[in-house]
Amino acid sequence: MEQLTQKEAVYNITMSVLYENKVVFDEGEQHINEVMTKEMRSTITECLMDSFRFGDEVKLDKDYDYKKLRAYTQGVISNWYRKDPRLNGGTKYIPKKKGSRVGLNDPQVKAMRKMLKEVKKTNNQQHINAIQTEINKRLAIIQSEKAKSKVDVSAIPEHLRHLV
């Protein structure tokens, strides 16, 4: 049996729970939260958790204890209620803080953010500013590298390529 994506699992379970509760929902026309109740949301969370824990039809990359799995599952549901046009009233998802995830997988940024967290406990503003400056520099490098990878350099005139 082919695995479902988390997006499809959230959609399928949501539609099933709405059907069982005889709720009319105009897919792509209204936001799911307009018709959702706490009870239905709880049922959807439990069903998706069961799919993660007991079935192999929905992909989950790692094991979670019950409490963490519940929080993770609620986050997955909220994520797809925001992003899936079938559930969010047909709108295009726009992140609130564009670029806020830049550097999450970069070892240098991770290490500097940990260091910053520790230094903030000392309230030494000079050290905090120095570390934040280095983090910002590294994030700028990462973002410029990302932008370069999106540009087809061969399509740019030779005399402008050094700018990329």
N, C-alpha and C. Protein backbone atom coordinates (compact mmCIF):
# COMPACT_ATOMS: atom_id res chain seq x y z
N MET A 1 0.84 -1.20 0.00
CA MET A 1 0.00 0.00 0.00
C MET A 1 0.88 1.25 0.00
N GLU A 2 0.55 2.19 -0.87
CA GLU A 2 1.33 3.41 -0.97
C GLU A 2 1.02 4.35 0.20
N GLN A 3 2.09 4.98 0.71
CA GLN A 3 1.89 5.89 1.83
C GLN A 3 1.25 7.19 1.38
N LEU A 4 0.41 7.73 2.24
CA LEU A 4 -0.19 9.04 2.01
C LEU A 4 0.77 10.11 2.50
N THR A 5 0.70 11.27 1.87
CA THR A 5 1.42 12.41 2.44
C THR A 5 0.62 12.89 3.65
N GLN A 6 1.26 13.63 4.51
CA GLN A 6 0.55 14.18 5.67
C GLN A 6 -0.57 15.11 5.20
N LYS A 7 -0.34 15.84 4.13
CA LYS A 7 -1.35 16.74 3.57
C LYS A 7 -2.60 15.96 3.19
N GLU A 8 -2.42 14.86 2.46
CA GLU A 8 -3.57 14.06 2.03
C GLU A 8 -4.26 13.39 3.21
N ALA A 9 -3.48 12.95 4.19
CA ALA A 9 -4.07 12.32 5.37
C ALA A 9 -4.94 13.32 6.13
N VAL A 10 -4.44 14.54 6.33
CA VAL A 10 -5.21 15.57 7.03
C VAL A 10 -6.49 15.85 6.25
N TYR A 11 -6.38 15.99 4.95
CA TYR A 11 -7.54 16.28 4.12
C TYR A 11 -8.57 15.14 4.21
N ASN A 12 -8.11 13.90 4.01
CA ASN A 12 -9.02 12.75 4.00
C ASN A 12 -9.73 12.57 5.35
N ILE A 13 -8.97 12.67 6.43
CA ILE A 13 -9.56 12.50 7.76
C ILE A 13 -10.54 13.63 8.05
N THR A 14 -10.17 14.85 7.69
CA THR A 14 -11.05 16.01 7.90
C THR A 14 -12.37 15.84 7.15
N MET A 15 -12.27 15.46 5.89
CA MET A 15 -13.49 15.28 5.09
C MET A 15 -14.36 14.15 5.66
N SER A 16 -13.72 13.10 6.15
CA SER A 16 -14.45 11.98 6.74
C SER A 16 -15.21 12.41 8.00
N VAL A 17 -14.53 13.16 8.86
CA VAL A 17 -15.15 13.63 10.11
C VAL A 17 -16.29 14.61 9.80
N LEU A 18 -16.09 15.49 8.83
CA LEU A 18 -17.17 16.41 8.44
C LEU A 18 -18.37 15.63 7.92
N TYR A 19 -18.13 14.61 7.11
CA TYR A 19 -19.22 13.79 6.57
C TYR A 19 -19.98 13.08 7.69
N GLU A 20 -19.22 12.49 8.63
CA GLU A 20 -19.84 11.77 9.75
C GLU A 20 -20.70 12.70 10.60
N ASN A 21 -20.31 13.96 10.70
CA ASN A 21 -21.04 14.94 11.49
C ASN A 21 -22.06 15.72 10.67
N LYS A 22 -22.24 15.29 9.41
CA LYS A 22 -23.22 15.92 8.50
C LYS A 22 -23.00 17.44 8.36
N VAL A 23 -21.73 17.83 8.29
CA VAL A 23 -21.38 19.24 8.15
C VAL A 23 -21.17 19.54 6.67
N VAL A 24 -21.82 20.58 6.19
CA VAL A 24 -21.66 21.01 4.81
C VAL A 24 -20.46 21.96 4.75
N PHE A 25 -19.54 21.62 3.85
CA PHE A 25 -18.32 22.42 3.71
C PHE A 25 -18.06 22.66 2.22
N ASP A 26 -17.95 23.93 1.83
CA ASP A 26 -17.66 24.28 0.44
C ASP A 26 -16.15 24.30 0.24
N GLU A 27 -15.64 23.17 -0.21
CA GLU A 27 -14.20 23.01 -0.42
C GLU A 27 -13.67 24.09 -1.34
N GLY A 28 -12.61 24.75 -0.91
CA GLY A 28 -12.00 25.80 -1.70
C GLY A 28 -12.72 27.13 -1.66
N GLU A 29 -13.90 27.16 -1.05
CA GLU A 29 -14.70 28.39 -1.00
C GLU A 29 -14.76 28.98 0.40
N GLN A 30 -14.66 28.13 1.42
CA GLN A 30 -14.67 28.64 2.78
C GLN A 30 -13.53 27.99 3.56
N HIS A 31 -13.13 28.67 4.63
CA HIS A 31 -12.05 28.15 5.47
C HIS A 31 -12.61 27.08 6.39
N ILE A 32 -11.84 26.03 6.58
CA ILE A 32 -12.29 24.90 7.40
C ILE A 32 -12.65 25.33 8.81
N ASN A 33 -11.96 26.34 9.33
CA ASN A 33 -12.24 26.78 10.70
C ASN A 33 -13.63 27.39 10.86
N GLU A 34 -14.27 27.76 9.75
CA GLU A 34 -15.62 28.31 9.82
C GLU A 34 -16.65 27.25 10.22
N VAL A 35 -16.34 25.98 9.96
CA VAL A 35 -17.29 24.91 10.27
C VAL A 35 -16.77 23.94 11.34
N MET A 36 -15.53 24.09 11.72
CA MET A 36 -14.89 23.15 12.65
C MET A 36 -15.32 23.42 14.10
N THR A 37 -15.58 22.33 14.84
CA THR A 37 -15.85 22.44 16.28
C THR A 37 -14.67 21.81 17.03
N LYS A 38 -14.59 22.09 18.32
CA LYS A 38 -13.53 21.50 19.15
C LYS A 38 -13.61 19.98 19.13
N GLU A 39 -14.82 19.46 19.18
CA GLU A 39 -15.02 18.01 19.20
C GLU A 39 -14.53 17.37 17.90
N MET A 40 -14.87 17.99 16.77
CA MET A 40 -14.43 17.45 15.49
C MET A 40 -12.91 17.54 15.36
N ARG A 41 -12.35 18.65 15.80
CA ARG A 41 -10.89 18.83 15.73
C ARG A 41 -10.20 17.77 16.58
N SER A 42 -10.74 17.49 17.75
CA SER A 42 -10.19 16.47 18.62
C SER A 42 -10.24 15.09 17.96
N THR A 43 -11.37 14.79 17.32
CA THR A 43 -11.52 13.51 16.62
C THR A 43 -10.50 13.40 15.49
N ILE A 44 -10.32 14.48 14.74
CA ILE A 44 -9.36 14.49 13.64
C ILE A 44 -7.95 14.27 14.17
N THR A 45 -7.61 14.92 15.28
CA THR A 45 -6.30 14.74 15.90
C THR A 45 -6.08 13.29 16.29
N GLU A 46 -7.07 12.69 16.96
CA GLU A 46 -6.93 11.29 17.39
C GLU A 46 -6.79 10.34 16.20
N CYS A 47 -7.57 10.57 15.16
CA CYS A 47 -7.50 9.71 13.97
C CYS A 47 -6.14 9.81 13.29
N LEU A 48 -5.62 11.03 13.17
CA LEU A 48 -4.31 11.21 12.54
C LEU A 48 -3.21 10.61 13.41
N MET A 49 -3.33 10.78 14.72
CA MET A 49 -2.35 10.16 15.63
C MET A 49 -2.35 8.65 15.46
N ASP A 50 -3.53 8.06 15.38
CA ASP A 50 -3.63 6.61 15.18
C ASP A 50 -2.98 6.20 13.86
N SER A 51 -3.17 7.01 12.83
CA SER A 51 -2.54 6.72 11.55
C SER A 51 -1.02 6.76 11.65
N PHE A 52 -0.51 7.70 12.43
CA PHE A 52 0.94 7.77 12.64
C PHE A 52 1.44 6.59 13.46
N ARG A 53 0.72 6.27 14.54
CA ARG A 53 1.19 5.25 15.48
C ARG A 53 0.98 3.83 15.02
N PHE A 54 -0.18 3.53 14.49
CA PHE A 54 -0.55 2.13 14.27
C PHE A 54 -0.58 1.72 12.81
N GLY A 55 -0.61 2.66 11.94
CA GLY A 55 -0.65 2.31 10.53
C GLY A 55 0.64 2.72 9.87
N ASP A 56 0.85 2.21 8.69
CA ASP A 56 2.01 2.68 7.94
C ASP A 56 1.55 3.39 6.68
N GLU A 57 0.30 3.89 6.72
CA GLU A 57 -0.22 4.59 5.56
C GLU A 57 0.17 6.06 5.53
N VAL A 58 0.60 6.62 6.67
CA VAL A 58 1.01 8.03 6.72
C VAL A 58 2.45 8.09 7.20
N LYS A 59 3.24 8.87 6.50
CA LYS A 59 4.67 8.95 6.78
C LYS A 59 4.95 9.78 8.04
N LEU A 60 5.77 9.21 8.91
CA LEU A 60 6.26 9.91 10.10
C LEU A 60 7.73 9.56 10.22
N ASP A 61 8.58 10.57 10.27
CA ASP A 61 10.02 10.34 10.20
C ASP A 61 10.65 9.81 11.48
N LYS A 62 10.05 10.07 12.62
CA LYS A 62 10.64 9.57 13.86
C LYS A 62 9.58 9.21 14.87
N ASP A 63 9.99 8.51 15.93
CA ASP A 63 9.06 8.10 16.97
C ASP A 63 8.89 9.22 18.00
N TYR A 64 7.68 9.36 18.49
CA TYR A 64 7.35 10.35 19.50
C TYR A 64 6.63 9.65 20.64
N ASP A 65 6.79 10.17 21.87
CA ASP A 65 5.94 9.67 22.94
C ASP A 65 4.55 10.29 22.73
N TYR A 66 3.56 9.82 23.46
CA TYR A 66 2.18 10.22 23.22
C TYR A 66 1.99 11.74 23.27
N LYS A 67 2.54 12.38 24.30
CA LYS A 67 2.33 13.82 24.48
C LYS A 67 2.95 14.61 23.32
N LYS A 68 4.17 14.24 22.93
CA LYS A 68 4.82 14.94 21.83
C LYS A 68 4.15 14.64 20.50
N LEU A 69 3.68 13.41 20.32
CA LEU A 69 2.98 13.05 19.09
C LEU A 69 1.69 13.85 18.96
N ARG A 70 0.99 14.05 20.07
CA ARG A 70 -0.25 14.83 20.04
C ARG A 70 0.05 16.27 19.61
N ALA A 71 1.08 16.87 20.19
CA ALA A 71 1.44 18.24 19.84
C ALA A 71 1.89 18.32 18.38
N TYR A 72 2.68 17.35 17.95
CA TYR A 72 3.13 17.31 16.56
C TYR A 72 1.94 17.20 15.61
N THR A 73 1.02 16.30 15.94
CA THR A 73 -0.15 16.06 15.10
C THR A 73 -1.02 17.31 15.00
N GLN A 74 -1.22 18.00 16.11
CA GLN A 74 -2.01 19.24 16.09
C GLN A 74 -1.34 20.28 15.20
N GLY A 75 -0.01 20.32 15.25
CA GLY A 75 0.73 21.24 14.39
C GLY A 75 0.59 20.90 12.92
N VAL A 76 0.64 19.60 12.60
CA VAL A 76 0.47 19.16 11.21
C VAL A 76 -0.91 19.58 10.70
N ILE A 77 -1.92 19.37 11.51
CA ILE A 77 -3.29 19.73 11.12
C ILE A 77 -3.39 21.24 10.90
N SER A 78 -2.92 22.03 11.84
CA SER A 78 -2.97 23.49 11.70
C SER A 78 -2.21 23.94 10.45
N ASN A 79 -1.06 23.33 10.20
CA ASN A 79 -0.24 23.66 9.04
C ASN A 79 -1.04 23.48 7.75
N TRP A 80 -1.67 22.31 7.60
CA TRP A 80 -2.39 22.06 6.36
C TRP A 80 -3.72 22.80 6.28
N TYR A 81 -4.29 23.16 7.41
CA TYR A 81 -5.49 24.01 7.37
C TYR A 81 -5.13 25.40 6.85
N ARG A 82 -3.91 25.86 7.10
CA ARG A 82 -3.45 27.14 6.60
C ARG A 82 -3.04 27.05 5.13
N LYS A 83 -2.38 25.95 4.74
CA LYS A 83 -1.73 25.88 3.43
C LYS A 83 -2.53 25.21 2.33
N ASP A 84 -3.37 24.26 2.65
CA ASP A 84 -4.09 23.52 1.61
C ASP A 84 -5.26 24.37 1.09
N PRO A 85 -5.23 24.75 -0.20
CA PRO A 85 -6.29 25.61 -0.74
C PRO A 85 -7.68 24.97 -0.67
N ARG A 86 -7.74 23.66 -0.59
CA ARG A 86 -9.04 23.00 -0.47
C ARG A 86 -9.66 23.28 0.89
N LEU A 87 -8.79 23.55 1.89
CA LEU A 87 -9.26 23.74 3.26
C LEU A 87 -9.19 25.19 3.74
N ASN A 88 -8.43 26.03 3.04
CA ASN A 88 -8.24 27.40 3.53
C ASN A 88 -9.04 28.44 2.75
N GLY A 89 -10.06 28.01 2.03
CA GLY A 89 -10.89 28.95 1.29
C GLY A 89 -10.31 29.30 -0.07
N GLY A 90 -9.35 28.51 -0.54
CA GLY A 90 -8.78 28.73 -1.86
C GLY A 90 -7.75 29.82 -1.93
N THR A 91 -7.23 30.25 -0.80
CA THR A 91 -6.23 31.32 -0.81
C THR A 91 -4.83 30.75 -0.89
N LYS A 92 -3.90 31.54 -1.43
CA LYS A 92 -2.50 31.15 -1.50
C LYS A 92 -1.88 31.46 -0.14
N TYR A 93 -1.17 30.48 0.41
CA TYR A 93 -0.53 30.67 1.72
C TYR A 93 0.65 31.61 1.59
N ILE A 94 0.71 32.59 2.47
CA ILE A 94 1.84 33.52 2.53
C ILE A 94 2.37 33.49 3.96
N PRO A 95 3.62 33.07 4.16
CA PRO A 95 4.17 33.02 5.51
C PRO A 95 4.23 34.41 6.15
N LYS A 96 4.01 34.45 7.45
CA LYS A 96 4.01 35.74 8.15
C LYS A 96 5.41 36.36 8.17
N LYS A 97 6.41 35.52 8.43
CA LYS A 97 7.79 36.00 8.46
C LYS A 97 8.56 35.30 7.34
N LYS A 98 8.56 35.93 6.17
CA LYS A 98 9.24 35.33 5.04
C LYS A 98 10.73 35.22 5.33
N GLY A 99 11.28 34.04 5.10
CA GLY A 99 12.70 33.81 5.32
C GLY A 99 13.06 33.47 6.76
N SER A 100 12.08 33.28 7.62
CA SER A 100 12.36 33.03 9.03
C SER A 100 13.00 31.66 9.26
N ARG A 101 12.92 30.77 8.28
CA ARG A 101 13.49 29.43 8.42
C ARG A 101 14.89 29.34 7.85
N VAL A 102 15.38 30.42 7.28
CA VAL A 102 16.72 30.42 6.70
C VAL A 102 17.74 30.10 7.78
N GLY A 103 18.62 29.18 7.48
CA GLY A 103 19.70 28.85 8.40
C GLY A 103 19.38 27.79 9.43
N LEU A 104 18.17 27.25 9.40
CA LEU A 104 17.81 26.25 10.41
C LEU A 104 18.67 25.00 10.32
N ASN A 105 19.13 24.65 9.13
CA ASN A 105 19.94 23.45 8.97
C ASN A 105 21.43 23.74 8.84
N ASP A 106 21.81 24.99 9.00
CA ASP A 106 23.21 25.36 8.89
C ASP A 106 23.90 25.18 10.25
N PRO A 107 24.97 24.36 10.31
CA PRO A 107 25.63 24.09 11.59
C PRO A 107 26.20 25.34 12.26
N GLN A 108 26.72 26.28 11.46
CA GLN A 108 27.27 27.50 12.05
C GLN A 108 26.17 28.33 12.71
N VAL A 109 25.07 28.49 12.01
CA VAL A 109 23.96 29.29 12.55
C VAL A 109 23.40 28.62 13.80
N LYS A 110 23.24 27.30 13.75
CA LYS A 110 22.74 26.58 14.92
C LYS A 110 23.63 26.81 16.13
N ALA A 111 24.93 26.66 15.93
CA ALA A 111 25.88 26.83 17.03
C ALA A 111 25.85 28.25 17.58
N MET A 112 25.80 29.22 16.67
CA MET A 112 25.78 30.62 17.12
C MET A 112 24.48 30.97 17.84
N ARG A 113 23.36 30.38 17.39
CA ARG A 113 22.09 30.64 18.08
C ARG A 113 22.09 30.03 19.48
N LYS A 114 22.69 28.86 19.64
CA LYS A 114 22.82 28.27 20.98
C LYS A 114 23.69 29.15 21.86
N MET A 115 24.80 29.61 21.29
CA MET A 115 25.69 30.48 22.05
C MET A 115 24.97 31.77 22.44
N LEU A 116 24.21 32.33 21.51
CA LEU A 116 23.47 33.56 21.79
C LEU A 116 22.48 33.35 22.93
N LYS A 117 21.82 32.21 22.92
CA LYS A 117 20.86 31.91 23.98
C LYS A 117 21.54 31.89 25.36
N GLU A 118 22.72 31.32 25.42
CA GLU A 118 23.46 31.27 26.68
C GLU A 118 23.96 32.65 27.09
N VAL A 119 24.47 33.41 26.12
CA VAL A 119 25.02 34.74 26.42
C VAL A 119 23.92 35.70 26.86
N LYS A 120 22.71 35.51 26.35
CA LYS A 120 21.60 36.39 26.76
C LYS A 120 21.32 36.28 28.25
N LYS A 121 21.66 35.15 28.84
CA LYS A 121 21.47 34.97 30.29
C LYS A 121 22.37 35.89 31.10
N THR A 122 23.50 36.30 30.50
CA THR A 122 24.45 37.17 31.20
C THR A 122 24.09 38.64 31.07
N ASN A 123 23.17 38.95 30.15
CA ASN A 123 22.75 40.34 29.88
C ASN A 123 23.90 41.23 29.41
N ASN A 124 24.96 40.63 28.85
CA ASN A 124 26.07 41.41 28.31
C ASN A 124 25.70 41.84 26.90
N GLN A 125 25.19 43.05 26.77
CA GLN A 125 24.66 43.53 25.49
C GLN A 125 25.72 43.58 24.41
N GLN A 126 26.96 43.88 24.78
CA GLN A 126 28.03 43.95 23.78
C GLN A 126 28.27 42.58 23.14
N HIS A 127 28.30 41.54 23.96
CA HIS A 127 28.49 40.18 23.45
C HIS A 127 27.27 39.72 22.65
N ILE A 128 26.10 40.04 23.15
CA ILE A 128 24.86 39.68 22.45
C ILE A 128 24.84 40.30 21.05
N ASN A 129 25.17 41.60 20.97
CA ASN A 129 25.19 42.29 19.68
C ASN A 129 26.22 41.69 18.73
N ALA A 130 27.40 41.34 19.26
CA ALA A 130 28.45 40.77 18.42
C ALA A 130 28.02 39.43 17.83
N ILE A 131 27.42 38.60 18.65
CA ILE A 131 26.96 37.29 18.17
C ILE A 131 25.83 37.46 17.16
N GLN A 132 24.88 38.34 17.45
CA GLN A 132 23.76 38.57 16.54
C GLN A 132 24.25 39.10 15.20
N THR A 133 25.25 39.95 15.22
CA THR A 133 25.84 40.48 13.98
C THR A 133 26.41 39.35 13.13
N GLU A 134 27.12 38.42 13.77
CA GLU A 134 27.70 37.28 13.05
C GLU A 134 26.61 36.36 12.50
N ILE A 135 25.56 36.16 13.26
CA ILE A 135 24.43 35.35 12.79
C ILE A 135 23.82 36.01 11.55
N ASN A 136 23.60 37.32 11.61
CA ASN A 136 23.02 38.05 10.48
C ASN A 136 23.91 37.97 9.24
N LYS A 137 25.23 38.05 9.44
CA LYS A 137 26.16 37.94 8.31
C LYS A 137 26.04 36.55 7.67
N ARG A 138 26.01 35.51 8.50
CA ARG A 138 25.92 34.15 7.98
C ARG A 138 24.59 33.94 7.24
N LEU A 139 23.49 34.45 7.80
CA LEU A 139 22.19 34.32 7.15
C LEU A 139 22.18 35.04 5.80
N ALA A 140 22.85 36.19 5.71
CA ALA A 140 22.92 36.93 4.45
C ALA A 140 23.67 36.11 3.40
N ILE A 141 24.74 35.44 3.82
CA ILE A 141 25.51 34.58 2.90
C ILE A 141 24.63 33.44 2.40
N ILE A 142 23.92 32.80 3.33
CA ILE A 142 23.05 31.68 2.97
C ILE A 142 21.97 32.14 1.99
N GLN A 143 21.36 33.28 2.26
CA GLN A 143 20.30 33.79 1.38
C GLN A 143 20.84 34.17 0.00
N SER A 144 22.05 34.73 -0.05
CA SER A 144 22.61 35.10 -1.36
C SER A 144 22.97 33.84 -2.14
N GLU A 145 23.45 32.79 -1.46
CA GLU A 145 23.75 31.53 -2.15
C GLU A 145 22.47 30.90 -2.69
N LYS A 146 21.40 31.01 -1.91
CA LYS A 146 20.11 30.48 -2.34
C LYS A 146 19.61 31.24 -3.58
N ALA A 147 19.78 32.54 -3.57
CA ALA A 147 19.35 33.35 -4.71
C ALA A 147 20.17 33.02 -5.95
N LYS A 148 21.47 32.80 -5.78
CA LYS A 148 22.33 32.45 -6.92
C LYS A 148 21.87 31.16 -7.56
N SER A 149 21.47 30.20 -6.74
CA SER A 149 21.07 28.91 -7.28
C SER A 149 19.79 29.00 -8.10
N LYS A 150 19.01 30.06 -7.93
CA LYS A 150 17.77 30.24 -8.67
C LYS A 150 17.98 30.97 -10.01
N VAL A 151 19.18 31.50 -10.22
CA VAL A 151 19.46 32.28 -11.41
C VAL A 151 20.21 31.41 -12.42
N ASP A 152 19.72 31.40 -13.67
CA ASP A 152 20.41 30.71 -14.74
C ASP A 152 21.50 31.64 -15.27
N VAL A 153 22.72 31.43 -14.77
CA VAL A 153 23.83 32.33 -15.09
C VAL A 153 24.12 32.34 -16.59
N SER A 154 23.91 31.22 -17.26
CA SER A 154 24.19 31.16 -18.69
C SER A 154 23.28 32.08 -19.51
N ALA A 155 22.14 32.46 -18.94
CA ALA A 155 21.21 33.34 -19.64
C ALA A 155 21.53 34.82 -19.44
N ILE A 156 22.50 35.10 -18.60
CA ILE A 156 22.87 36.48 -18.30
C ILE A 156 24.04 36.88 -19.19
N PRO A 157 24.03 38.10 -19.74
CA PRO A 157 25.16 38.53 -20.57
C PRO A 157 26.49 38.41 -19.81
N GLU A 158 27.52 38.07 -20.54
CA GLU A 158 28.85 37.81 -19.98
C GLU A 158 29.33 38.95 -19.08
N HIS A 159 29.14 40.19 -19.51
CA HIS A 159 29.64 41.33 -18.74
C HIS A 159 28.89 41.59 -17.43
N LEU A 160 27.75 40.91 -17.21
CA LEU A 160 26.99 41.07 -15.96
C LEU A 160 27.10 39.87 -15.02
N ARG A 161 27.69 38.78 -15.48
CA ARG A 161 27.73 37.55 -14.69
C ARG A 161 28.46 37.69 -13.37
N HIS A 162 29.43 38.56 -13.29
CA HIS A 162 30.18 38.74 -12.04
C HIS A 162 29.29 39.28 -10.92
N LEU A 163 28.14 39.82 -11.26
CA LEU A 163 27.22 40.37 -10.26
C LEU A 163 26.39 39.30 -9.57
N VAL A 164 26.35 38.10 -10.18
CA VAL A 164 25.53 37.04 -9.61
C VAL A 164 26.27 36.35 -8.50
